[in-house]
Amino acid sequence: MALGLRLAEKDPRFVAINLVQPEDGESALRHYRLQMRMLDYLHQQYPKAHITLHAGELWPGLVKPEDLTFHINEAVHTGHAERIGHGVDLVHEDDWQNLARTMAQRHVAVEVPFTSNAQILGVAGEDHPFNAYRAHGVPIVLATDDPGISRTDISHEYRYAADTYDLSYPELKDLARASLEYAFLPGRSLWRDRGAPADYQRAARCRHDVPGDSSPSRACASLLAASPKAAVQWRQEAAFDRFETRRTHAG
């Protein structure tokens, strides 16, 4: 952990630290709270290092009931996770509604790999906490987990979300925007207020510019030049615009 956090803080080739092991494994279950306390201490030593943690990749029958009650809470409150992976056992956590509100307030994103959750945990559809996270304003990013194992790709995950939860095109766009907004890219965001749910409004410096314009205003160009994150987000918006223009012409 110490080495990972030091590298993540000092070397730009390292984006963040994560802990990798089945969450229902014997060691993970026995030492989970200790590991979170270790991260709490090390976060004080390396406060600029990003932390992302698998948390709540559990389900009733896989572990004892008491093990379902605290992993996400510990990752968020003690482990300083800026993102969590899976978070499937949300509604089994102690005081889960308050936990979800805290995640929304702190902008702690949850990575949702639908195919993986269905294959490994047998959790899909209305059993999945996807709608619970959305209802509480928790940022959500779609993921594939391990496409080589799951035999899926990100397009399939978006289609699954659209078909299963009846998502509109604007809602799918916001999921895609969140993938960049909550990525560990350096620089300021293109969005104001960290892209609140359903309210992605461009920062003042680019508010009146057209995405993809080869000659943005001086203020917007300055933001895009200084921020790798904003530059990538700008390209994404331009891609949306091109796609929507083609669809309009085709229609």
C-alpha atoms as a PDB file:
ATOM      1  CA  MET A   1       0.000   0.000   0.000  1.00  0.00           C
ATOM      2  CA  ALA A   2       2.762   2.428   0.949  1.00  0.00           C
ATOM      3  CA  LEU A   3       4.646   1.788  -2.270  1.00  0.00           C
ATOM      4  CA  GLY A   4       1.505   2.097  -4.364  1.00  0.00           C
ATOM      5  CA  LEU A   5       0.441   5.361  -2.779  1.00  0.00           C
ATOM      6  CA  ARG A   6       3.932   6.817  -3.083  1.00  0.00           C
ATOM      7  CA  LEU A   7       4.066   5.904  -6.759  1.00  0.00           C
ATOM      8  CA  ALA A   8       0.547   7.232  -7.386  1.00  0.00           C
ATOM      9  CA  GLU A   9       1.488  10.552  -5.791  1.00  0.00           C
ATOM     10  CA  LYS A  10       4.943  11.009  -7.338  1.00  0.00           C
ATOM     11  CA  ASP A  11       4.904   9.252 -10.715  1.00  0.00           C
ATOM     12  CA  PRO A  12       2.364  10.348 -13.367  1.00  0.00           C
ATOM     13  CA  ARG A  13       2.467   6.879 -14.943  1.00  0.00           C
ATOM     14  CA  PHE A  14       0.507   5.588 -11.936  1.00  0.00           C
ATOM     15  CA  VAL A  15      -3.083   6.764 -11.741  1.00  0.00           C
ATOM     16  CA  ALA A  16      -4.292   5.449  -8.370  1.00  0.00           C
ATOM     17  CA  ILE A  17      -4.064   2.586  -5.909  1.00  0.00           C
ATOM     18  CA  ASN A  18      -6.502  -0.310  -5.612  1.00  0.00           C
ATOM     19  CA  LEU A  19      -6.576  -3.527  -3.577  1.00  0.00           C
ATOM     20  CA  VAL A  20      -7.005  -6.652  -5.672  1.00  0.00           C
ATOM     21  CA  GLN A  21      -8.317  -9.908  -4.228  1.00  0.00           C
ATOM     22  CA  PRO A  22     -11.750 -11.570  -4.112  1.00  0.00           C
ATOM     23  CA  GLU A  23     -13.648  -9.608  -1.496  1.00  0.00           C
ATOM     24  CA  ASP A  24     -15.151 -12.799  -0.134  1.00  0.00           C
ATOM     25  CA  GLY A  25     -11.703 -14.382   0.277  1.00  0.00           C
ATOM     26  CA  GLU A  26     -10.637 -15.521   3.727  1.00  0.00           C
ATOM     27  CA  SER A  27      -7.925 -12.898   4.167  1.00  0.00           C
ATOM     28  CA  ALA A  28     -10.042 -10.070   2.761  1.00  0.00           C
ATOM     29  CA  LEU A  29     -12.901 -10.855   5.122  1.00  0.00           C
ATOM     30  CA  ARG A  30     -10.675 -11.244   8.178  1.00  0.00           C
ATOM     31  CA  HIS A  31      -8.590  -8.113   7.633  1.00  0.00           C
ATOM     32  CA  TYR A  32     -10.945  -5.717   5.828  1.00  0.00           C
ATOM     33  CA  ARG A  33     -11.285  -3.172   8.635  1.00  0.00           C
ATOM     34  CA  LEU A  34      -7.538  -3.313   9.309  1.00  0.00           C
ATOM     35  CA  GLN A  35      -6.761  -2.707   5.648  1.00  0.00           C
ATOM     36  CA  MET A  36      -9.048   0.332   5.622  1.00  0.00           C
ATOM     37  CA  ARG A  37      -7.300   1.715   8.723  1.00  0.00           C
ATOM     38  CA  MET A  38      -3.959   1.206   6.998  1.00  0.00           C
ATOM     39  CA  LEU A  39      -5.221   3.225   4.041  1.00  0.00           C
ATOM     40  CA  ASP A  40      -6.517   5.884   6.425  1.00  0.00           C
ATOM     41  CA  TYR A  41      -3.050   6.311   7.907  1.00  0.00           C
ATOM     42  CA  LEU A  42      -1.233   6.207   4.574  1.00  0.00           C
ATOM     43  CA  HIS A  43      -3.669   8.690   3.036  1.00  0.00           C
ATOM     44  CA  GLN A  44      -2.391  11.210   5.574  1.00  0.00           C
ATOM     45  CA  GLN A  45       1.167  10.549   4.388  1.00  0.00           C
ATOM     46  CA  TYR A  46       0.308  10.678   0.668  1.00  0.00           C
ATOM     47  CA  PRO A  47      -2.781  12.903   0.459  1.00  0.00           C
ATOM     48  CA  LYS A  48      -2.449  13.576  -3.278  1.00  0.00           C
ATOM     49  CA  ALA A  49      -2.608   9.901  -4.301  1.00  0.00           C
ATOM     50  CA  HIS A  50      -5.950   8.749  -5.668  1.00  0.00           C
ATOM     51  CA  ILE A  51      -7.628   5.746  -4.054  1.00  0.00           C
ATOM     52  CA  THR A  52     -10.190   3.501  -5.725  1.00  0.00           C
ATOM     53  CA  LEU A  53     -11.449   0.349  -4.024  1.00  0.00           C
ATOM     54  CA  HIS A  54     -13.560  -2.674  -4.818  1.00  0.00           C
ATOM     55  CA  ALA A  55     -16.244  -2.616  -2.145  1.00  0.00           C
ATOM     56  CA  GLY A  56     -19.489  -4.476  -1.781  1.00  0.00           C
ATOM     57  CA  GLU A  57     -18.872  -7.118  -4.460  1.00  0.00           C
ATOM     58  CA  LEU A  58     -20.815  -9.416  -2.150  1.00  0.00           C
ATOM     59  CA  TRP A  59     -24.294 -10.930  -1.950  1.00  0.00           C
ATOM     60  CA  PRO A  60     -26.355 -12.957   0.549  1.00  0.00           C
ATOM     61  CA  GLY A  61     -25.288 -16.590   0.529  1.00  0.00           C
ATOM     62  CA  LEU A  62     -21.750 -15.751  -0.537  1.00  0.00           C
ATOM     63  CA  VAL A  63     -20.673 -14.497   2.898  1.00  0.00           C
ATOM     64  CA  LYS A  64     -22.104 -14.289   6.398  1.00  0.00           C
ATOM     65  CA  PRO A  65     -24.835 -11.635   6.826  1.00  0.00           C
ATOM     66  CA  GLU A  66     -22.620  -9.484   9.039  1.00  0.00           C
ATOM     67  CA  ASP A  67     -20.019  -9.213   6.268  1.00  0.00           C
ATOM     68  CA  LEU A  68     -22.571  -7.463   4.063  1.00  0.00           C
ATOM     69  CA  THR A  69     -23.054  -4.577   6.461  1.00  0.00           C
ATOM     70  CA  PHE A  70     -19.887  -2.491   6.356  1.00  0.00           C
ATOM     71  CA  HIS A  71     -17.525  -2.920   3.381  1.00  0.00           C
ATOM     72  CA  ILE A  72     -18.762   0.074   1.358  1.00  0.00           C
ATOM     73  CA  ASN A  73     -19.073   2.194   4.483  1.00  0.00           C
ATOM     74  CA  GLU A  74     -15.499   1.377   5.475  1.00  0.00           C
ATOM     75  CA  ALA A  75     -14.146   2.054   1.981  1.00  0.00           C
ATOM     76  CA  VAL A  76     -15.835   5.468   1.854  1.00  0.00           C
ATOM     77  CA  HIS A  77     -15.447   6.656   5.432  1.00  0.00           C
ATOM     78  CA  THR A  78     -12.132   5.071   6.456  1.00  0.00           C
ATOM     79  CA  GLY A  79     -10.354   4.062   3.250  1.00  0.00           C
ATOM     80  CA  HIS A  80     -10.857   7.449   1.516  1.00  0.00           C
ATOM     81  CA  ALA A  81     -12.077   5.821  -1.688  1.00  0.00           C
ATOM     82  CA  GLU A  82     -12.852   8.333  -4.417  1.00  0.00           C
ATOM     83  CA  ARG A  83     -14.469   5.583  -6.480  1.00  0.00           C
ATOM     84  CA  ILE A  84     -15.733   2.158  -5.546  1.00  0.00           C
ATOM     85  CA  GLY A  85     -16.035  -0.877  -7.772  1.00  0.00           C
ATOM     86  CA  HIS A  86     -19.284  -2.883  -7.856  1.00  0.00           C
ATOM     87  CA  GLY A  87     -21.016  -1.776  -4.637  1.00  0.00           C
ATOM     88  CA  VAL A  88     -23.600  -4.514  -5.201  1.00  0.00           C
ATOM     89  CA  ASP A  89     -24.512  -5.109  -1.558  1.00  0.00           C
ATOM     90  CA  LEU A  90     -25.494  -1.462  -0.978  1.00  0.00           C
ATOM     91  CA  VAL A  91     -28.938  -2.101   0.515  1.00  0.00           C
ATOM     92  CA  HIS A  92     -27.472  -4.618   2.965  1.00  0.00           C
ATOM     93  CA  GLU A  93     -25.080  -2.031   4.428  1.00  0.00           C
ATOM     94  CA  ASP A  94     -25.862  -0.472   7.800  1.00  0.00           C
ATOM     95  CA  ASP A  95     -27.817   2.777   7.259  1.00  0.00           C
ATOM     96  CA  TRP A  96     -27.390   2.413   3.516  1.00  0.00           C
ATOM     97  CA  GLN A  97     -29.523   5.445   2.621  1.00  0.00           C
ATOM     98  CA  ASN A  98     -27.214   7.725   4.596  1.00  0.00           C
ATOM     99  CA  LEU A  99     -24.219   6.017   2.985  1.00  0.00           C
ATOM    100  CA  ALA A 100     -25.647   6.691  -0.479  1.00  0.00           C
ATOM    101  CA  ARG A 101     -26.296  10.335   0.421  1.00  0.00           C
ATOM    102  CA  THR A 102     -22.711  10.655   1.650  1.00  0.00           C
ATOM    103  CA  MET A 103     -21.382   9.194  -1.585  1.00  0.00           C
ATOM    104  CA  ALA A 104     -23.473  11.674  -3.552  1.00  0.00           C
ATOM    105  CA  GLN A 105     -22.300  14.624  -1.451  1.00  0.00           C
ATOM    106  CA  ARG A 106     -18.641  13.607  -1.703  1.00  0.00           C
ATOM    107  CA  HIS A 107     -18.929  12.673  -5.392  1.00  0.00           C
ATOM    108  CA  VAL A 108     -17.763   9.111  -4.735  1.00  0.00           C
ATOM    109  CA  ALA A 109     -18.530   7.308  -7.988  1.00  0.00           C
ATOM    110  CA  VAL A 110     -19.550   3.665  -8.240  1.00  0.00           C
ATOM    111  CA  GLU A 111     -18.278   1.542 -11.129  1.00  0.00           C
ATOM    112  CA  VAL A 112     -21.050  -0.762 -12.378  1.00  0.00           C
ATOM    113  CA  PRO A 113     -20.164  -3.809 -14.515  1.00  0.00           C
ATOM    114  CA  PHE A 114     -23.548  -5.415 -15.154  1.00  0.00           C
ATOM    115  CA  THR A 115     -22.291  -8.520 -16.933  1.00  0.00           C
ATOM    116  CA  SER A 116     -19.715  -9.289 -14.265  1.00  0.00           C
ATOM    117  CA  ASN A 117     -22.241  -8.821 -11.469  1.00  0.00           C
ATOM    118  CA  ALA A 118     -24.643 -11.207 -13.177  1.00  0.00           C
ATOM    119  CA  GLN A 119     -21.979 -13.837 -13.869  1.00  0.00           C
ATOM    120  CA  ILE A 120     -20.121 -13.764 -10.556  1.00  0.00           C
ATOM    121  CA  LEU A 121     -22.831 -12.807  -8.060  1.00  0.00           C
ATOM    122  CA  GLY A 122     -25.997 -13.750  -9.948  1.00  0.00           C
ATOM    123  CA  VAL A 123     -27.340 -10.214  -9.444  1.00  0.00           C
ATOM    124  CA  ALA A 124     -29.215  -8.511 -12.274  1.00  0.00           C
ATOM    125  CA  GLY A 125     -32.277  -6.431 -13.105  1.00  0.00           C
ATOM    126  CA  GLU A 126     -34.242  -5.083 -10.177  1.00  0.00           C
ATOM    127  CA  ASP A 127     -32.050  -6.951  -7.684  1.00  0.00           C
ATOM    128  CA  HIS A 128     -29.124  -4.742  -8.720  1.00  0.00           C
ATOM    129  CA  PRO A 129     -28.743  -1.480  -6.740  1.00  0.00           C
ATOM    130  CA  PHE A 130     -28.319   0.572  -9.944  1.00  0.00           C
ATOM    131  CA  ASN A 131     -31.636   2.371  -9.439  1.00  0.00           C
ATOM    132  CA  ALA A 132     -30.966   2.887  -5.722  1.00  0.00           C
ATOM    133  CA  TYR A 133     -27.700   4.650  -6.512  1.00  0.00           C
ATOM    134  CA  ARG A 134     -29.393   6.770  -9.171  1.00  0.00           C
ATOM    135  CA  ALA A 135     -32.257   7.705  -6.843  1.00  0.00           C
ATOM    136  CA  HIS A 136     -29.774   9.057  -4.292  1.00  0.00           C
ATOM    137  CA  GLY A 137     -27.704  10.979  -6.845  1.00  0.00           C
ATOM    138  CA  VAL A 138     -24.593   8.808  -6.564  1.00  0.00           C
ATOM    139  CA  PRO A 139     -22.350   9.208  -9.641  1.00  0.00           C
ATOM    140  CA  ILE A 140     -22.372   6.047 -11.744  1.00  0.00           C
ATOM    141  CA  VAL A 141     -19.891   4.944 -14.385  1.00  0.00           C
ATOM    142  CA  LEU A 142     -20.413   1.803 -16.449  1.00  0.00           C
ATOM    143  CA  ALA A 143     -17.583  -0.696 -16.693  1.00  0.00           C
ATOM    144  CA  THR A 144     -16.788  -4.101 -18.173  1.00  0.00           C
ATOM    145  CA  ASP A 145     -14.743  -5.380 -15.212  1.00  0.00           C
ATOM    146  CA  ASP A 146     -12.720  -7.939 -17.192  1.00  0.00           C
ATOM    147  CA  PRO A 147     -13.958  -8.123 -20.812  1.00  0.00           C
ATOM    148  CA  GLY A 148     -11.639 -11.033 -21.583  1.00  0.00           C
ATOM    149  CA  ILE A 149     -13.277 -13.160 -18.915  1.00  0.00           C
ATOM    150  CA  SER A 150     -16.836 -11.863 -19.177  1.00  0.00           C
ATOM    151  CA  ARG A 151     -16.800 -11.820 -22.998  1.00  0.00           C
ATOM    152  CA  THR A 152     -18.429  -8.410 -23.098  1.00  0.00           C
ATOM    153  CA  ASP A 153     -17.603  -4.871 -24.147  1.00  0.00           C
ATOM    154  CA  ILE A 154     -18.672  -1.439 -22.984  1.00  0.00           C
ATOM    155  CA  SER A 155     -21.286  -1.089 -25.734  1.00  0.00           C
ATOM    156  CA  HIS A 156     -23.054  -4.177 -24.397  1.00  0.00           C
ATOM    157  CA  GLU A 157     -23.106  -2.662 -20.887  1.00  0.00           C
ATOM    158  CA  TYR A 158     -24.729   0.527 -22.196  1.00  0.00           C
ATOM    159  CA  ARG A 159     -27.309  -1.446 -24.154  1.00  0.00           C
ATOM    160  CA  TYR A 160     -28.063  -3.574 -21.100  1.00  0.00           C
ATOM    161  CA  ALA A 161     -28.582  -0.411 -19.027  1.00  0.00           C
ATOM    162  CA  ALA A 162     -30.877   1.076 -21.660  1.00  0.00           C
ATOM    163  CA  ASP A 163     -32.970  -2.072 -22.107  1.00  0.00           C
ATOM    164  CA  THR A 164     -33.162  -3.114 -18.457  1.00  0.00           C
ATOM    165  CA  TYR A 165     -33.734   0.255 -16.821  1.00  0.00           C
ATOM    166  CA  ASP A 166     -35.483   2.042 -19.702  1.00  0.00           C
ATOM    167  CA  LEU A 167     -32.855   4.778 -19.916  1.00  0.00           C
ATOM    168  CA  SER A 168     -33.257   7.611 -22.376  1.00  0.00           C
ATOM    169  CA  TYR A 169     -30.544   8.815 -24.729  1.00  0.00           C
ATOM    170  CA  PRO A 170     -29.772  11.867 -22.517  1.00  0.00           C
ATOM    171  CA  GLU A 171     -29.407   9.561 -19.517  1.00  0.00           C
ATOM    172  CA  LEU A 172     -26.969   7.361 -21.442  1.00  0.00           C
ATOM    173  CA  LYS A 173     -25.013  10.481 -22.428  1.00  0.00           C
ATOM    174  CA  ASP A 174     -24.694  11.461 -18.783  1.00  0.00           C
ATOM    175  CA  LEU A 175     -23.369   7.999 -17.917  1.00  0.00           C
ATOM    176  CA  ALA A 176     -20.716   8.449 -20.604  1.00  0.00           C
ATOM    177  CA  ARG A 177     -19.908  11.933 -19.330  1.00  0.00           C
ATOM    178  CA  ALA A 178     -19.508  10.574 -15.819  1.00  0.00           C
ATOM    179  CA  SER A 179     -16.875   8.119 -17.052  1.00  0.00           C
ATOM    180  CA  LEU A 180     -14.612  11.071 -17.835  1.00  0.00           C
ATOM    181  CA  GLU A 181     -15.759  13.369 -15.046  1.00  0.00           C
ATOM    182  CA  TYR A 182     -14.848  10.800 -12.382  1.00  0.00           C
ATOM    183  CA  ALA A 183     -11.750   9.492 -14.113  1.00  0.00           C
ATOM    184  CA  PHE A 184      -8.452  10.386 -12.475  1.00  0.00           C
ATOM    185  CA  LEU A 185      -7.494  12.734 -15.291  1.00  0.00           C
ATOM    186  CA  PRO A 186      -5.497  15.803 -14.256  1.00  0.00           C
ATOM    187  CA  GLY A 187      -6.795  19.314 -14.610  1.00  0.00           C
ATOM    188  CA  ARG A 188     -10.056  21.153 -14.170  1.00  0.00           C
ATOM    189  CA  SER A 189     -13.321  19.807 -15.480  1.00  0.00           C
ATOM    190  CA  LEU A 190     -15.242  21.114 -18.463  1.00  0.00           C
ATOM    191  CA  TRP A 191     -18.309  21.045 -16.219  1.00  0.00           C
ATOM    192  CA  ARG A 192     -19.262  23.264 -13.346  1.00  0.00           C
ATOM    193  CA  ASP A 193     -20.258  21.691 -10.003  1.00  0.00           C
ATOM    194  CA  ARG A 194     -18.661  18.334 -10.879  1.00  0.00           C
ATOM    195  CA  GLY A 195     -21.444  17.459 -13.269  1.00  0.00           C
ATOM    196  CA  ALA A 196     -24.397  17.107 -10.932  1.00  0.00           C
ATOM    197  CA  PRO A 197     -26.826  14.361 -12.037  1.00  0.00           C
ATOM    198  CA  ALA A 198     -28.829  15.372 -15.115  1.00  0.00           C
ATOM    199  CA  ASP A 199     -27.296  18.846 -14.981  1.00  0.00           C
ATOM    200  CA  TYR A 200     -24.058  18.798 -16.963  1.00  0.00           C
ATOM    201  CA  GLN A 201     -23.519  22.496 -17.606  1.00  0.00           C
ATOM    202  CA  ARG A 202     -20.274  23.700 -19.128  1.00  0.00           C
ATOM    203  CA  ALA A 203     -17.959  25.888 -17.094  1.00  0.00           C
ATOM    204  CA  ALA A 204     -18.311  29.615 -17.674  1.00  0.00           C
ATOM    205  CA  ARG A 205     -15.217  29.846 -19.868  1.00  0.00           C
ATOM    206  CA  CYS A 206     -16.674  27.434 -22.457  1.00  0.00           C
ATOM    207  CA  ARG A 207     -20.381  28.023 -21.920  1.00  0.00           C
ATOM    208  CA  HIS A 208     -20.969  29.814 -25.211  1.00  0.00           C
ATOM    209  CA  ASP A 209     -18.586  27.788 -27.365  1.00  0.00           C
ATOM    210  CA  VAL A 210     -19.620  25.015 -29.747  1.00  0.00           C
ATOM    211  CA  PRO A 211     -17.978  21.632 -29.009  1.00  0.00           C
ATOM    212  CA  GLY A 212     -15.648  20.671 -31.816  1.00  0.00           C
ATOM    213  CA  ASP A 213     -15.188  24.233 -33.005  1.00  0.00           C
ATOM    214  CA  SER A 214     -11.618  24.517 -34.248  1.00  0.00           C
ATOM    215  CA  SER A 215     -11.448  28.096 -32.961  1.00  0.00           C
ATOM    216  CA  PRO A 216     -12.962  28.276 -29.472  1.00  0.00           C
ATOM    217  CA  SER A 217     -12.964  31.534 -27.561  1.00  0.00           C
ATOM    218  CA  ARG A 218      -9.739  32.609 -25.908  1.00  0.00           C
ATOM    219  CA  ALA A 219     -11.030  31.762 -22.428  1.00  0.00           C
ATOM    220  CA  CYS A 220     -12.239  28.316 -23.491  1.00  0.00           C
ATOM    221  CA  ALA A 221      -9.058  27.579 -25.436  1.00  0.00           C
ATOM    222  CA  SER A 222      -7.055  28.469 -22.339  1.00  0.00           C
ATOM    223  CA  LEU A 223      -9.009  25.967 -20.232  1.00  0.00           C
ATOM    224  CA  LEU A 224      -8.656  23.212 -22.823  1.00  0.00           C
ATOM    225  CA  ALA A 225      -4.919  23.826 -23.196  1.00  0.00           C
ATOM    226  CA  ALA A 226      -4.307  23.749 -19.445  1.00  0.00           C
ATOM    227  CA  SER A 227      -6.494  20.760 -18.555  1.00  0.00           C
ATOM    228  CA  PRO A 228      -6.138  17.257 -20.062  1.00  0.00           C
ATOM    229  CA  LYS A 229      -9.486  16.358 -18.459  1.00  0.00           C
ATOM    230  CA  ALA A 230     -11.364  19.258 -20.009  1.00  0.00           C
ATOM    231  CA  ALA A 231      -9.740  18.599 -23.377  1.00  0.00           C
ATOM    232  CA  VAL A 232     -10.922  14.977 -23.424  1.00  0.00           C
ATOM    233  CA  GLN A 233     -14.389  15.991 -22.275  1.00  0.00           C
ATOM    234  CA  TRP A 234     -14.501  18.585 -25.057  1.00  0.00           C
ATOM    235  CA  ARG A 235     -13.700  15.900 -27.620  1.00  0.00           C
ATOM    236  CA  GLN A 236     -16.441  13.712 -26.197  1.00  0.00           C
ATOM    237  CA  GLU A 237     -18.985  16.508 -26.557  1.00  0.00           C
ATOM    238  CA  ALA A 238     -17.843  17.074 -30.133  1.00  0.00           C
ATOM    239  CA  ALA A 239     -18.338  13.347 -30.839  1.00  0.00           C
ATOM    240  CA  PHE A 240     -21.849  13.521 -29.389  1.00  0.00           C
ATOM    241  CA  ASP A 241     -22.605  16.509 -31.607  1.00  0.00           C
ATOM    242  CA  ARG A 242     -21.365  14.745 -34.745  1.00  0.00           C
ATOM    243  CA  PHE A 243     -23.365  11.614 -33.930  1.00  0.00           C
ATOM    244  CA  GLU A 244     -26.556  13.562 -33.239  1.00  0.00           C
ATOM    245  CA  THR A 245     -26.154  15.602 -36.419  1.00  0.00           C
ATOM    246  CA  ARG A 246     -25.811  12.433 -38.500  1.00  0.00           C
ATOM    247  CA  ARG A 247     -28.859  10.916 -36.812  1.00  0.00           C
ATOM    248  CA  THR A 248     -30.902  14.054 -37.494  1.00  0.00           C
ATOM    249  CA  HIS A 249     -29.925  14.082 -41.162  1.00  0.00           C
ATOM    250  CA  ALA A 250     -30.596  10.355 -41.473  1.00  0.00           C
ATOM    251  CA  GLY A 251     -34.019  10.778 -39.877  1.00  0.00           C
END
